[in-house]
Amino acid sequence: MRHKEIQAEPKPDLPLETSELSQYLIRIEDKEVVGPFGCLLPPRPLHEMFADAWAVRSLS
C-alpha cells in the first residue's frame, strides 16, 4: 500500500499593527510583506521585545 503525500497549506501571518512592523524588521512593498525571514518571526527574544514595548507604553 502506497501512502499519499500530504502537502501543507501555508498558514496566514497573524495581523500586526503598522506600528509593530519595524519591531519585526518588516516593511510593505506593493502590498506585499517583505522581511528577513520566509515567514513572520521575531528577530529578538520575545521577552526583550515585550519589555521594550512595555517601557514605551509606560512613558505615554
N, C-alpha and C. Protein backbone atom coordinates (compact mmCIF):
# COMPACT_ATOMS: atom_id res chain seq x y z
N MET A 1 0.83 -1.17 0.00
CA MET A 1 0.00 0.00 0.00
C MET A 1 0.89 1.25 0.00
N ARG A 2 0.59 2.15 -0.88
CA ARG A 2 1.39 3.35 -1.01
C ARG A 2 0.72 4.51 -0.26
N HIS A 3 1.53 5.27 0.49
CA HIS A 3 0.99 6.40 1.25
C HIS A 3 0.92 7.63 0.37
N LYS A 4 -0.13 8.37 0.56
CA LYS A 4 -0.34 9.60 -0.18
C LYS A 4 0.47 10.72 0.49
N GLU A 5 1.20 11.49 -0.29
CA GLU A 5 1.97 12.59 0.26
C GLU A 5 1.04 13.75 0.60
N ILE A 6 1.20 14.29 1.78
CA ILE A 6 0.36 15.39 2.23
C ILE A 6 1.12 16.70 2.05
N GLN A 7 0.48 17.64 1.37
CA GLN A 7 1.06 18.96 1.17
C GLN A 7 0.51 19.90 2.25
N ALA A 8 1.39 20.56 2.96
CA ALA A 8 0.97 21.51 3.98
C ALA A 8 0.53 22.81 3.32
N GLU A 9 -0.60 23.32 3.76
CA GLU A 9 -1.09 24.60 3.27
C GLU A 9 -0.34 25.71 4.01
N PRO A 10 0.06 26.76 3.32
CA PRO A 10 0.71 27.86 4.03
C PRO A 10 -0.29 28.54 4.97
N LYS A 11 0.17 28.84 6.16
CA LYS A 11 -0.69 29.49 7.13
C LYS A 11 -0.54 31.01 7.00
N PRO A 12 -1.63 31.74 7.15
CA PRO A 12 -1.52 33.21 7.06
C PRO A 12 -0.80 33.76 8.28
N ASP A 13 -0.13 34.88 8.10
CA ASP A 13 0.51 35.55 9.22
C ASP A 13 -0.55 36.18 10.10
N LEU A 14 -0.25 36.30 11.37
CA LEU A 14 -1.16 36.96 12.29
C LEU A 14 -1.19 38.46 11.98
N PRO A 15 -2.32 39.11 12.24
CA PRO A 15 -2.38 40.54 11.95
C PRO A 15 -1.45 41.34 12.86
N LEU A 16 -0.86 42.37 12.30
CA LEU A 16 0.02 43.27 13.06
C LEU A 16 -0.44 44.69 12.83
N GLU A 17 -0.25 45.52 13.83
CA GLU A 17 -0.49 46.94 13.66
C GLU A 17 0.70 47.54 12.91
N THR A 18 0.45 48.59 12.18
CA THR A 18 1.52 49.23 11.40
C THR A 18 2.69 49.63 12.29
N SER A 19 2.41 50.05 13.51
CA SER A 19 3.48 50.47 14.42
C SER A 19 4.38 49.31 14.83
N GLU A 20 3.92 48.06 14.69
CA GLU A 20 4.71 46.89 15.09
C GLU A 20 5.62 46.38 13.98
N LEU A 21 5.43 46.82 12.77
CA LEU A 21 6.18 46.29 11.64
C LEU A 21 7.69 46.45 11.82
N SER A 22 8.13 47.61 12.27
CA SER A 22 9.57 47.85 12.39
C SER A 22 10.21 46.94 13.45
N GLN A 23 9.44 46.57 14.48
CA GLN A 23 9.98 45.67 15.51
C GLN A 23 10.32 44.31 14.92
N TYR A 24 9.61 43.92 13.89
CA TYR A 24 9.84 42.62 13.25
C TYR A 24 10.70 42.74 11.99
N LEU A 25 11.28 43.92 11.78
CA LEU A 25 12.14 44.20 10.62
C LEU A 25 11.38 43.97 9.31
N ILE A 26 10.12 44.36 9.29
CA ILE A 26 9.25 44.12 8.15
C ILE A 26 8.85 45.46 7.53
N ARG A 27 8.66 45.44 6.23
CA ARG A 27 8.14 46.61 5.52
C ARG A 27 7.13 46.13 4.47
N ILE A 28 6.32 47.03 4.00
CA ILE A 28 5.31 46.73 2.99
C ILE A 28 5.78 47.31 1.66
N GLU A 29 5.85 46.48 0.63
CA GLU A 29 6.20 46.92 -0.72
C GLU A 29 5.17 46.37 -1.68
N ASP A 30 4.50 47.26 -2.38
CA ASP A 30 3.48 46.85 -3.35
C ASP A 30 2.48 45.86 -2.75
N LYS A 31 1.99 46.19 -1.56
CA LYS A 31 1.00 45.38 -0.84
C LYS A 31 1.52 43.99 -0.45
N GLU A 32 2.83 43.81 -0.46
CA GLU A 32 3.45 42.55 -0.05
C GLU A 32 4.29 42.80 1.20
N VAL A 33 4.28 41.84 2.11
CA VAL A 33 5.10 41.92 3.32
C VAL A 33 6.50 41.43 2.99
N VAL A 34 7.51 42.25 3.28
CA VAL A 34 8.90 41.91 2.98
C VAL A 34 9.68 41.95 4.28
N GLY A 35 10.42 40.89 4.57
CA GLY A 35 11.22 40.83 5.78
C GLY A 35 12.40 39.90 5.62
N PRO A 36 13.20 39.76 6.67
CA PRO A 36 14.42 38.97 6.58
C PRO A 36 14.19 37.45 6.57
N PHE A 37 13.00 37.00 6.97
CA PHE A 37 12.73 35.57 7.06
C PHE A 37 11.63 35.19 6.06
N GLY A 38 11.46 33.94 5.80
CA GLY A 38 10.41 33.48 4.90
C GLY A 38 9.02 33.56 5.49
N CYS A 39 8.95 33.80 6.79
CA CYS A 39 7.66 33.95 7.48
C CYS A 39 7.85 34.96 8.60
N LEU A 40 6.79 35.30 9.26
CA LEU A 40 6.85 36.29 10.32
C LEU A 40 7.44 35.68 11.59
N LEU A 41 8.67 36.07 11.89
CA LEU A 41 9.36 35.59 13.09
C LEU A 41 9.93 36.78 13.85
N PRO A 42 9.93 36.70 15.17
CA PRO A 42 10.54 37.80 15.93
C PRO A 42 12.06 37.77 15.77
N PRO A 43 12.68 38.92 15.49
CA PRO A 43 14.14 38.95 15.29
C PRO A 43 14.93 38.93 16.59
N ARG A 44 14.25 39.11 17.72
CA ARG A 44 14.90 39.09 19.04
C ARG A 44 14.05 38.23 19.96
N PRO A 45 14.58 37.83 21.10
CA PRO A 45 13.77 37.07 22.05
C PRO A 45 12.52 37.85 22.45
N LEU A 46 11.39 37.16 22.54
CA LEU A 46 10.12 37.82 22.81
C LEU A 46 10.11 38.59 24.12
N HIS A 47 10.79 38.08 25.14
CA HIS A 47 10.77 38.80 26.42
C HIS A 47 11.45 40.16 26.30
N GLU A 48 12.46 40.28 25.44
CA GLU A 48 13.11 41.57 25.23
C GLU A 48 12.19 42.51 24.46
N MET A 49 11.52 41.98 23.44
CA MET A 49 10.61 42.81 22.65
C MET A 49 9.45 43.30 23.53
N PHE A 50 8.93 42.42 24.38
CA PHE A 50 7.84 42.79 25.27
C PHE A 50 8.28 43.87 26.25
N ALA A 51 9.47 43.72 26.83
CA ALA A 51 9.98 44.70 27.80
C ALA A 51 10.13 46.07 27.14
N ASP A 52 10.66 46.11 25.92
CA ASP A 52 10.82 47.38 25.21
C ASP A 52 9.46 48.02 24.91
N ALA A 53 8.51 47.21 24.45
CA ALA A 53 7.17 47.73 24.14
C ALA A 53 6.49 48.24 25.41
N TRP A 54 6.67 47.55 26.51
CA TRP A 54 6.04 47.95 27.77
C TRP A 54 6.66 49.27 28.26
N ALA A 55 7.98 49.41 28.10
CA ALA A 55 8.65 50.64 28.53
C ALA A 55 8.14 51.84 27.73
N VAL A 56 7.99 51.68 26.44
CA VAL A 56 7.48 52.77 25.59
C VAL A 56 6.05 53.11 25.98
N ARG A 57 5.24 52.09 26.21
CA ARG A 57 3.83 52.32 26.57
C ARG A 57 3.72 52.98 27.94
N SER A 58 4.60 52.63 28.87
CA SER A 58 4.56 53.20 30.22
C SER A 58 4.90 54.68 30.21
N LEU A 59 5.70 55.12 29.24
CA LEU A 59 6.08 56.52 29.14
C LEU A 59 4.95 57.38 28.60
N SER A 60 4.01 56.77 27.90
CA SER A 60 2.91 57.53 27.28
C SER A 60 1.90 58.00 28.29
